[in-house]
PDB file of all heavy atoms in Angstrom:
ATOM      1  N   THR A   1     177.479  53.195 120.621  1.00  0.00           N
ATOM      2  CA  THR A   1     176.988  54.514 120.997  1.00  0.00           C
ATOM      3  C   THR A   1     175.762  54.918 120.202  1.00  0.00           C
ATOM      4  O   THR A   1     175.220  55.986 120.424  1.00  0.00           O
ATOM      5  CB  THR A   1     178.079  55.577 120.781  1.00  0.00           C
ATOM      6  OG1 THR A   1     178.393  55.632 119.384  1.00  0.00           O
ATOM      7  CG2 THR A   1     179.323  55.275 121.594  1.00  0.00           C
ATOM      8  N   GLY A   2     175.360  54.082 119.270  1.00  0.00           N
ATOM      9  CA  GLY A   2     174.202  54.422 118.455  1.00  0.00           C
ATOM     10  C   GLY A   2     174.579  55.162 117.187  1.00  0.00           C
ATOM     11  O   GLY A   2     173.717  55.585 116.435  1.00  0.00           O
ATOM     12  N   THR A   3     175.872  55.332 116.968  1.00  0.00           N
ATOM     13  CA  THR A   3     176.315  55.983 115.739  1.00  0.00           C
ATOM     14  C   THR A   3     175.944  55.106 114.562  1.00  0.00           C
ATOM     15  O   THR A   3     176.165  53.913 114.576  1.00  0.00           O
ATOM     16  CB  THR A   3     177.848  56.188 115.759  1.00  0.00           C
ATOM     17  OG1 THR A   3     178.193  56.916 116.919  1.00  0.00           O
ATOM     18  CG2 THR A   3     178.316  56.908 114.519  1.00  0.00           C
ATOM     19  N   SER A   4     175.365  55.718 113.545  1.00  0.00           N
ATOM     20  CA  SER A   4     175.030  54.929 112.364  1.00  0.00           C
ATOM     21  C   SER A   4     176.005  55.244 111.249  1.00  0.00           C
ATOM     22  O   SER A   4     176.511  56.361 111.135  1.00  0.00           O
ATOM     23  CB  SER A   4     173.588  55.206 111.924  1.00  0.00           C
ATOM     24  OG  SER A   4     173.452  56.554 111.549  1.00  0.00           O
ATOM     25  N   TYR A   5     176.277  54.242 110.464  1.00  0.00           N
ATOM     26  CA  TYR A   5     177.179  54.370 109.342  1.00  0.00           C
ATOM     27  C   TYR A   5     176.377  54.225 108.055  1.00  0.00           C
ATOM     28  O   TYR A   5     175.409  53.472 108.006  1.00  0.00           O
ATOM     29  CB  TYR A   5     178.272  53.295 109.418  1.00  0.00           C
ATOM     30  CG  TYR A   5     179.126  53.444 110.651  1.00  0.00           C
ATOM     31  CD1 TYR A   5     178.829  52.746 111.814  1.00  0.00           C
ATOM     32  CD2 TYR A   5     180.208  54.312 110.655  1.00  0.00           C
ATOM     33  CE1 TYR A   5     179.603  52.897 112.954  1.00  0.00           C
ATOM     34  CE2 TYR A   5     180.981  54.473 111.787  1.00  0.00           C
ATOM     35  CZ  TYR A   5     180.681  53.757 112.934  1.00  0.00           C
ATOM     36  OH  TYR A   5     181.444  53.927 114.046  1.00  0.00           O
ATOM     37  N   PRO A   6     176.774  54.932 107.002  1.00  0.00           N
ATOM     38  CA  PRO A   6     176.035  54.822 105.747  1.00  0.00           C
ATOM     39  C   PRO A   6     176.145  53.409 105.180  1.00  0.00           C
ATOM     40  O   PRO A   6     177.230  52.835 105.139  1.00  0.00           O
ATOM     41  CB  PRO A   6     176.704  55.850 104.836  1.00  0.00           C
ATOM     42  CG  PRO A   6     178.037  56.132 105.441  1.00  0.00           C
ATOM     43  CD  PRO A   6     177.907  55.847 106.907  1.00  0.00           C
ATOM     44  N   LEU A   7     174.994  52.867 104.794  1.00  0.00           N
ATOM     45  CA  LEU A   7     174.949  51.509 104.258  1.00  0.00           C
ATOM     46  C   LEU A   7     174.326  51.503 102.869  1.00  0.00           C
ATOM     47  O   LEU A   7     173.487  52.327 102.538  1.00  0.00           O
ATOM     48  CB  LEU A   7     174.117  50.597 105.173  1.00  0.00           C
ATOM     49  CG  LEU A   7     174.593  50.423 106.602  1.00  0.00           C
ATOM     50  CD1 LEU A   7     173.596  49.578 107.387  1.00  0.00           C
ATOM     51  CD2 LEU A   7     175.977  49.803 106.646  1.00  0.00           C
ATOM     52  N   GLY A   8     174.737  50.552 102.092  1.00  0.00           N
ATOM     53  CA  GLY A   8     174.151  50.288 100.787  1.00  0.00           C
ATOM     54  C   GLY A   8     174.004  48.784 100.645  1.00  0.00           C
ATOM     55  O   GLY A   8     174.240  48.039 101.594  1.00  0.00           O
ATOM     56  N   ASN A   9     173.635  48.325  99.482  1.00  0.00           N
ATOM     57  CA  ASN A   9     173.401  46.896  99.286  1.00  0.00           C
ATOM     58  C   ASN A   9     174.149  46.375  98.077  1.00  0.00           C
ATOM     59  O   ASN A   9     174.317  47.085  97.082  1.00  0.00           O
ATOM     60  CB  ASN A   9     171.906  46.631  99.103  1.00  0.00           C
ATOM     61  CG  ASN A   9     171.134  47.029 100.342  1.00  0.00           C
ATOM     62  OD1 ASN A   9     171.233  46.406 101.379  1.00  0.00           O
ATOM     63  ND2 ASN A   9     170.388  48.117 100.236  1.00  0.00           N
ATOM     64  N   VAL A  10     174.575  45.120  98.186  1.00  0.00           N
ATOM     65  CA  VAL A  10     175.197  44.415  97.063  1.00  0.00           C
ATOM     66  C   VAL A  10     174.464  43.094  96.894  1.00  0.00           C
ATOM     67  O   VAL A  10     174.309  42.337  97.844  1.00  0.00           O
ATOM     68  CB  VAL A  10     176.696  44.145  97.293  1.00  0.00           C
ATOM     69  CG1 VAL A  10     177.292  43.355  96.122  1.00  0.00           C
ATOM     70  CG2 VAL A  10     177.457  45.442  97.507  1.00  0.00           C
ATOM     71  N   THR A  11     173.989  42.856  95.674  1.00  0.00           N
ATOM     72  CA  THR A  11     173.309  41.610  95.340  1.00  0.00           C
ATOM     73  C   THR A  11     174.063  40.939  94.200  1.00  0.00           C
ATOM     74  O   THR A  11     174.410  41.594  93.217  1.00  0.00           O
ATOM     75  CB  THR A  11     171.857  41.876  94.894  1.00  0.00           C
ATOM     76  OG1 THR A  11     171.163  42.484  95.981  1.00  0.00           O
ATOM     77  CG2 THR A  11     171.148  40.593  94.502  1.00  0.00           C
ATOM     78  N   ALA A  12     174.311  39.640  94.338  1.00  0.00           N
ATOM     79  CA  ALA A  12     174.899  38.851  93.259  1.00  0.00           C
ATOM     80  C   ALA A  12     173.803  37.979  92.678  1.00  0.00           C
ATOM     81  O   ALA A  12     173.059  37.337  93.413  1.00  0.00           O
ATOM     82  CB  ALA A  12     176.041  37.995  93.776  1.00  0.00           C
ATOM     83  N   VAL A  13     173.675  37.980  91.363  1.00  0.00           N
ATOM     84  CA  VAL A  13     172.710  37.123  90.663  1.00  0.00           C
ATOM     85  C   VAL A  13     173.513  36.070  89.920  1.00  0.00           C
ATOM     86  O   VAL A  13     174.363  36.401  89.083  1.00  0.00           O
ATOM     87  CB  VAL A  13     171.849  37.945  89.683  1.00  0.00           C
ATOM     88  CG1 VAL A  13     170.893  37.039  88.929  1.00  0.00           C
ATOM     89  CG2 VAL A  13     171.093  39.037  90.425  1.00  0.00           C
ATOM     90  N   VAL A  14     173.238  34.804  90.238  1.00  0.00           N
ATOM     91  CA  VAL A  14     174.014  33.704  89.670  1.00  0.00           C
ATOM     92  C   VAL A  14     173.102  32.830  88.821  1.00  0.00           C
ATOM     93  O   VAL A  14     172.078  32.339  89.297  1.00  0.00           O
ATOM     94  CB  VAL A  14     174.677  32.863  90.788  1.00  0.00           C
ATOM     95  CG1 VAL A  14     175.524  31.750  90.193  1.00  0.00           C
ATOM     96  CG2 VAL A  14     175.512  33.757  91.700  1.00  0.00           C
ATOM     97  N   THR A  15     173.500  32.666  87.545  1.00  0.00           N
ATOM     98  CA  THR A  15     172.743  31.819  86.621  1.00  0.00           C
ATOM     99  C   THR A  15     173.685  30.806  85.979  1.00  0.00           C
ATOM    100  O   THR A  15     174.917  30.968  86.012  1.00  0.00           O
ATOM    101  CB  THR A  15     172.067  32.649  85.513  1.00  0.00           C
ATOM    102  OG1 THR A  15     173.067  33.366  84.797  1.00  0.00           O
ATOM    103  CG2 THR A  15     171.050  33.626  86.089  1.00  0.00           C
ATOM    104  N   ASP A  16     173.089  29.786  85.363  1.00  0.00           N
ATOM    105  CA  ASP A  16     173.908  28.822  84.631  1.00  0.00           C
ATOM    106  C   ASP A  16     173.991  29.223  83.161  1.00  0.00           C
ATOM    107  O   ASP A  16     173.496  30.285  82.773  1.00  0.00           O
ATOM    108  CB  ASP A  16     173.376  27.395  84.813  1.00  0.00           C
ATOM    109  CG  ASP A  16     172.019  27.154  84.175  1.00  0.00           C
ATOM    110  OD1 ASP A  16     171.543  28.005  83.400  1.00  0.00           O
ATOM    111  OD2 ASP A  16     171.419  26.095  84.442  1.00  0.00           O
ATOM    112  N   ASP A  17     174.600  28.357  82.349  1.00  0.00           N
ATOM    113  CA  ASP A  17     174.799  28.648  80.918  1.00  0.00           C
ATOM    114  C   ASP A  17     173.493  28.943  80.182  1.00  0.00           C
ATOM    115  O   ASP A  17     173.478  29.668  79.193  1.00  0.00           O
ATOM    116  CB  ASP A  17     175.460  27.460  80.216  1.00  0.00           C
ATOM    117  CG  ASP A  17     176.848  27.168  80.739  1.00  0.00           C
ATOM    118  OD1 ASP A  17     177.058  27.233  81.952  1.00  0.00           O
ATOM    119  OD2 ASP A  17     177.717  26.859  79.920  1.00  0.00           O
ATOM    120  N   THR A  18     172.389  28.369  80.686  1.00  0.00           N
ATOM    121  CA  THR A  18     171.099  28.538  80.003  1.00  0.00           C
ATOM    122  C   THR A  18     170.323  29.732  80.539  1.00  0.00           C
ATOM    123  O   THR A  18     169.248  30.036  80.031  1.00  0.00           O
ATOM    124  CB  THR A  18     170.228  27.275  80.169  1.00  0.00           C
ATOM    125  OG1 THR A  18     169.853  27.148  81.550  1.00  0.00           O
ATOM    126  CG2 THR A  18     170.959  26.021  79.713  1.00  0.00           C
ATOM    127  N   GLY A  19     170.829  30.379  81.585  1.00  0.00           N
ATOM    128  CA  GLY A  19     170.136  31.513  82.180  1.00  0.00           C
ATOM    129  C   GLY A  19     169.269  31.145  83.367  1.00  0.00           C
ATOM    130  O   GLY A  19     168.632  32.014  83.964  1.00  0.00           O
ATOM    131  N   ALA A  20     169.248  29.855  83.729  1.00  0.00           N
ATOM    132  CA  ALA A  20     168.464  29.409  84.889  1.00  0.00           C
ATOM    133  C   ALA A  20     169.189  29.796  86.181  1.00  0.00           C
ATOM    134  O   ALA A  20     170.423  29.734  86.253  1.00  0.00           O
ATOM    135  CB  ALA A  20     168.259  27.903  84.840  1.00  0.00           C
ATOM    136  N   PRO A  21     168.438  30.208  87.224  1.00  0.00           N
ATOM    137  CA  PRO A  21     169.076  30.577  88.493  1.00  0.00           C
ATOM    138  C   PRO A  21     169.780  29.376  89.127  1.00  0.00           C
ATOM    139  O   PRO A  21     169.312  28.247  89.028  1.00  0.00           O
ATOM    140  CB  PRO A  21     167.918  31.051  89.367  1.00  0.00           C
ATOM    141  CG  PRO A  21     166.669  30.677  88.672  1.00  0.00           C
ATOM    142  CD  PRO A  21     166.983  30.333  87.268  1.00  0.00           C
ATOM    143  N   VAL A  22     170.908  29.654  89.762  1.00  0.00           N
ATOM    144  CA  VAL A  22     171.676  28.622  90.457  1.00  0.00           C
ATOM    145  C   VAL A  22     171.547  28.881  91.949  1.00  0.00           C
ATOM    146  O   VAL A  22     171.893  29.962  92.423  1.00  0.00           O
ATOM    147  CB  VAL A  22     173.158  28.645  90.036  1.00  0.00           C
ATOM    148  CG1 VAL A  22     173.952  27.614  90.826  1.00  0.00           C
ATOM    149  CG2 VAL A  22     173.298  28.412  88.537  1.00  0.00           C
ATOM    150  N   ASP A  23     171.027  27.896  92.673  1.00  0.00           N
ATOM    151  CA  ASP A  23     170.878  28.084  94.115  1.00  0.00           C
ATOM    152  C   ASP A  23     171.941  27.314  94.887  1.00  0.00           C
ATOM    153  O   ASP A  23     172.606  26.438  94.363  1.00  0.00           O
ATOM    154  CB  ASP A  23     169.475  27.689  94.585  1.00  0.00           C
ATOM    155  CG  ASP A  23     169.195  26.207  94.477  1.00  0.00           C
ATOM    156  OD1 ASP A  23     169.840  25.523  93.670  1.00  0.00           O
ATOM    157  OD2 ASP A  23     168.323  25.725  95.214  1.00  0.00           O
ATOM    158  N   GLN A  24     172.105  27.724  96.127  1.00  0.00           N
ATOM    159  CA  GLN A  24     173.013  27.094  97.079  1.00  0.00           C
ATOM    160  C   GLN A  24     174.483  27.150  96.663  1.00  0.00           C
ATOM    161  O   GLN A  24     175.237  26.199  96.858  1.00  0.00           O
ATOM    162  CB  GLN A  24     172.596  25.643  97.350  1.00  0.00           C
ATOM    163  CG  GLN A  24     171.212  25.493  97.954  1.00  0.00           C
ATOM    164  CD  GLN A  24     171.072  26.265  99.265  1.00  0.00           C
ATOM    165  OE1 GLN A  24     171.859  26.060 100.186  1.00  0.00           O
ATOM    166  NE2 GLN A  24     170.106  27.153  99.357  1.00  0.00           N
ATOM    167  N   VAL A  25     174.902  28.277  96.076  1.00  0.00           N
ATOM    168  CA  VAL A  25     176.322  28.495  95.835  1.00  0.00           C
ATOM    169  C   VAL A  25     176.775  29.711  96.628  1.00  0.00           C
ATOM    170  O   VAL A  25     176.009  30.641  96.861  1.00  0.00           O
ATOM    171  CB  VAL A  25     176.683  28.667  94.336  1.00  0.00           C
ATOM    172  CG1 VAL A  25     176.410  27.400  93.559  1.00  0.00           C
ATOM    173  CG2 VAL A  25     175.995  29.848  93.719  1.00  0.00           C
ATOM    174  N   GLN A  26     178.015  29.673  97.034  1.00  0.00           N
ATOM    175  CA  GLN A  26     178.591  30.754  97.830  1.00  0.00           C
ATOM    176  C   GLN A  26     179.145  31.839  96.923  1.00  0.00           C
ATOM    177  O   GLN A  26     179.753  31.556  95.895  1.00  0.00           O
ATOM    178  CB  GLN A  26     179.718  30.194  98.697  1.00  0.00           C
ATOM    179  CG  GLN A  26     180.459  31.242  99.501  1.00  0.00           C
ATOM    180  CD  GLN A  26     181.532  30.633 100.375  1.00  0.00           C
ATOM    181  OE1 GLN A  26     181.349  29.578 100.947  1.00  0.00           O
ATOM    182  NE2 GLN A  26     182.664  31.323 100.466  1.00  0.00           N
ATOM    183  N   VAL A  27     178.954  33.082  97.336  1.00  0.00           N
ATOM    184  CA  VAL A  27     179.550  34.249  96.683  1.00  0.00           C
ATOM    185  C   VAL A  27     180.159  35.095  97.800  1.00  0.00           C
ATOM    186  O   VAL A  27     179.574  35.238  98.873  1.00  0.00           O
ATOM    187  CB  VAL A  27     178.490  35.050  95.893  1.00  0.00           C
ATOM    188  CG1 VAL A  27     179.147  36.178  95.126  1.00  0.00           C
ATOM    189  CG2 VAL A  27     177.711  34.155  94.950  1.00  0.00           C
ATOM    190  N   ASP A  28     181.345  35.625  97.551  1.00  0.00           N
ATOM    191  CA  ASP A  28     182.056  36.379  98.581  1.00  0.00           C
ATOM    192  C   ASP A  28     182.144  37.857  98.223  1.00  0.00           C
ATOM    193  O   ASP A  28     182.274  38.221  97.049  1.00  0.00           O
ATOM    194  CB  ASP A  28     183.478  35.844  98.754  1.00  0.00           C
ATOM    195  CG  ASP A  28     183.509  34.418  99.293  1.00  0.00           C
ATOM    196  OD1 ASP A  28     182.529  33.998  99.954  1.00  0.00           O
ATOM    197  OD2 ASP A  28     184.511  33.729  99.058  1.00  0.00           O
ATOM    198  N   LEU A  29     182.100  38.685  99.251  1.00  0.00           N
ATOM    199  CA  LEU A  29     182.324  40.119  99.128  1.00  0.00           C
ATOM    200  C   LEU A  29     183.657  40.390  99.808  1.00  0.00           C
ATOM    201  O   LEU A  29     183.819  40.117 100.997  1.00  0.00           O
ATOM    202  CB  LEU A  29     181.191  40.892  99.803  1.00  0.00           C
ATOM    203  CG  LEU A  29     181.156  42.390  99.592  1.00  0.00           C
ATOM    204  CD1 LEU A  29     180.917  42.719  98.112  1.00  0.00           C
ATOM    205  CD2 LEU A  29     180.069  43.034 100.434  1.00  0.00           C
ATOM    206  N   MET A  30     184.614  40.897  99.026  1.00  0.00           N
ATOM    207  CA  MET A  30     185.966  41.091  99.530  1.00  0.00           C
ATOM    208  C   MET A  30     186.373  42.551  99.406  1.00  0.00           C
ATOM    209  O   MET A  30     185.822  43.289  98.598  1.00  0.00           O
ATOM    210  CB  MET A  30     186.939  40.221  98.737  1.00  0.00           C
ATOM    211  CG  MET A  30     186.573  38.754  98.761  1.00  0.00           C
ATOM    212  SD  MET A  30     187.740  37.746  97.848  1.00  0.00           S
ATOM    213  CE  MET A  30     189.065  37.688  99.044  1.00  0.00           C
ATOM    214  N   LEU A  31     187.346  42.927 100.206  1.00  0.00           N
ATOM    215  CA  LEU A  31     187.925  44.250 100.055  1.00  0.00           C
ATOM    216  C   LEU A  31     188.837  44.238  98.825  1.00  0.00           C
ATOM    217  O   LEU A  31     189.269  43.179  98.375  1.00  0.00           O
ATOM    218  CB  LEU A  31     188.701  44.640 101.311  1.00  0.00           C
ATOM    219  CG  LEU A  31     187.847  44.843 102.568  1.00  0.00           C
ATOM    220  CD1 LEU A  31     188.714  45.317 103.726  1.00  0.00           C
ATOM    221  CD2 LEU A  31     186.706  45.816 102.324  1.00  0.00           C
ATOM    222  N   PRO A  32     189.129  45.405  98.262  1.00  0.00           N
ATOM    223  CA  PRO A  32     189.922  45.465  97.028  1.00  0.00           C
ATOM    224  C   PRO A  32     191.315  44.833  97.112  1.00  0.00           C
ATOM    225  O   PRO A  32     191.925  44.571  96.084  1.00  0.00           O
ATOM    226  CB  PRO A  32     190.027  46.961  96.739  1.00  0.00           C
ATOM    227  CG  PRO A  32     188.792  47.542  97.362  1.00  0.00           C
ATOM    228  CD  PRO A  32     188.584  46.723  98.612  1.00  0.00           C
ATOM    229  N   ASP A  33     191.801  44.544  98.320  1.00  0.00           N
ATOM    230  CA  ASP A  33     193.122  43.916  98.436  1.00  0.00           C
ATOM    231  C   ASP A  33     193.110  42.442  98.026  1.00  0.00           C
ATOM    232  O   ASP A  33     194.151  41.801  97.959  1.00  0.00           O
ATOM    233  CB  ASP A  33     193.676  44.063  99.856  1.00  0.00           C
ATOM    234  CG  ASP A  33     192.842  43.335 100.916  1.00  0.00           C
ATOM    235  OD1 ASP A  33     191.881  42.611 100.571  1.00  0.00           O
ATOM    236  OD2 ASP A  33     193.160  43.507 102.104  1.00  0.00           O
ATOM    237  N   LYS A  34     191.929  41.898  97.739  1.00  0.00           N
ATOM    238  CA  LYS A  34     191.733  40.494  97.343  1.00  0.00           C
ATOM    239  C   LYS A  34     192.156  39.503  98.423  1.00  0.00           C
ATOM    240  O   LYS A  34     192.308  38.328  98.163  1.00  0.00           O
ATOM    241  CB  LYS A  34     192.475  40.154  96.043  1.00  0.00           C
ATOM    242  CG  LYS A  34     191.960  40.875  94.834  1.00  0.00           C
ATOM    243  CD  LYS A  34     192.652  40.392  93.577  1.00  0.00           C
ATOM    244  CE  LYS A  34     192.158  41.133  92.358  1.00  0.00           C
ATOM    245  NZ  LYS A  34     192.853  40.725  91.147  1.00  0.00           N
ATOM    246  N   ALA A  35     192.345  39.996  99.633  1.00  0.00           N
ATOM    247  CA  ALA A  35     192.761  39.128 100.726  1.00  0.00           C
ATOM    248  C   ALA A  35     191.789  39.167 101.903  1.00  0.00           C
ATOM    249  O   ALA A  35     191.711  38.215 102.665  1.00  0.00           O
ATOM    250  CB  ALA A  35     194.162  39.516 101.204  1.00  0.00           C
ATOM    251  N   THR A  36     191.042  40.261 102.028  1.00  0.00           N
ATOM    252  CA  THR A  36     190.161  40.432 103.179  1.00  0.00           C
ATOM    253  C   THR A  36     188.731  40.093 102.795  1.00  0.00           C
ATOM    254  O   THR A  36     188.110  40.787 101.991  1.00  0.00           O
ATOM    255  CB  THR A  36     190.229  41.879 103.701  1.00  0.00           C
ATOM    256  OG1 THR A  36     191.597  42.222 103.944  1.00  0.00           O
ATOM    257  CG2 THR A  36     189.417  42.030 104.979  1.00  0.00           C
TER     258      THR A  36
END
Protein backbone atom coordinates (compact mmCIF):
# COMPACT_ATOMS: atom_id res chain seq x y z
CA THR A 1 0.00 0.00 0.00
CA GLY A 2 3.02 2.26 0.09
CA THR A 3 3.13 2.35 3.87
CA SER A 4 6.65 3.03 5.01
CA TYR A 5 8.18 1.64 8.14
CA PRO A 6 10.93 3.32 10.15
CA LEU A 7 14.34 1.97 9.17
CA GLY A 8 17.81 2.22 10.60
CA ASN A 9 21.12 0.58 9.79
CA VAL A 10 23.35 -2.05 11.35
CA THR A 11 26.96 -2.45 10.27
CA ALA A 12 29.33 -5.17 11.50
CA VAL A 13 33.07 -4.46 11.29
CA VAL A 14 35.17 -7.61 11.32
CA THR A 15 38.93 -7.58 11.91
CA ASP A 16 41.55 -10.18 12.73
CA ASP A 17 43.88 -10.32 15.75
CA THR A 18 46.15 -7.70 14.17
CA GLY A 19 43.33 -5.28 13.33
CA ALA A 20 43.34 -6.05 9.59
CA PRO A 21 39.88 -6.22 7.94
CA VAL A 22 38.52 -9.71 7.29
CA ASP A 23 36.60 -10.13 4.06
CA GLN A 24 34.18 -12.78 2.84
CA VAL A 25 32.85 -13.87 6.23
CA GLN A 26 29.20 -14.16 7.12
CA VAL A 27 27.60 -12.17 9.94
CA ASP A 28 23.98 -12.70 10.98
CA LEU A 29 21.34 -10.33 12.32
CA MET A 30 18.96 -12.23 14.58
CA LEU A 31 15.96 -11.43 16.68
CA PRO A 32 16.54 -11.47 20.46
CA ASP A 33 15.08 -14.99 20.72
CA LYS A 34 18.40 -16.27 19.24
CA ALA A 35 16.37 -18.49 16.92
CA THR A 36 15.00 -16.17 14.24
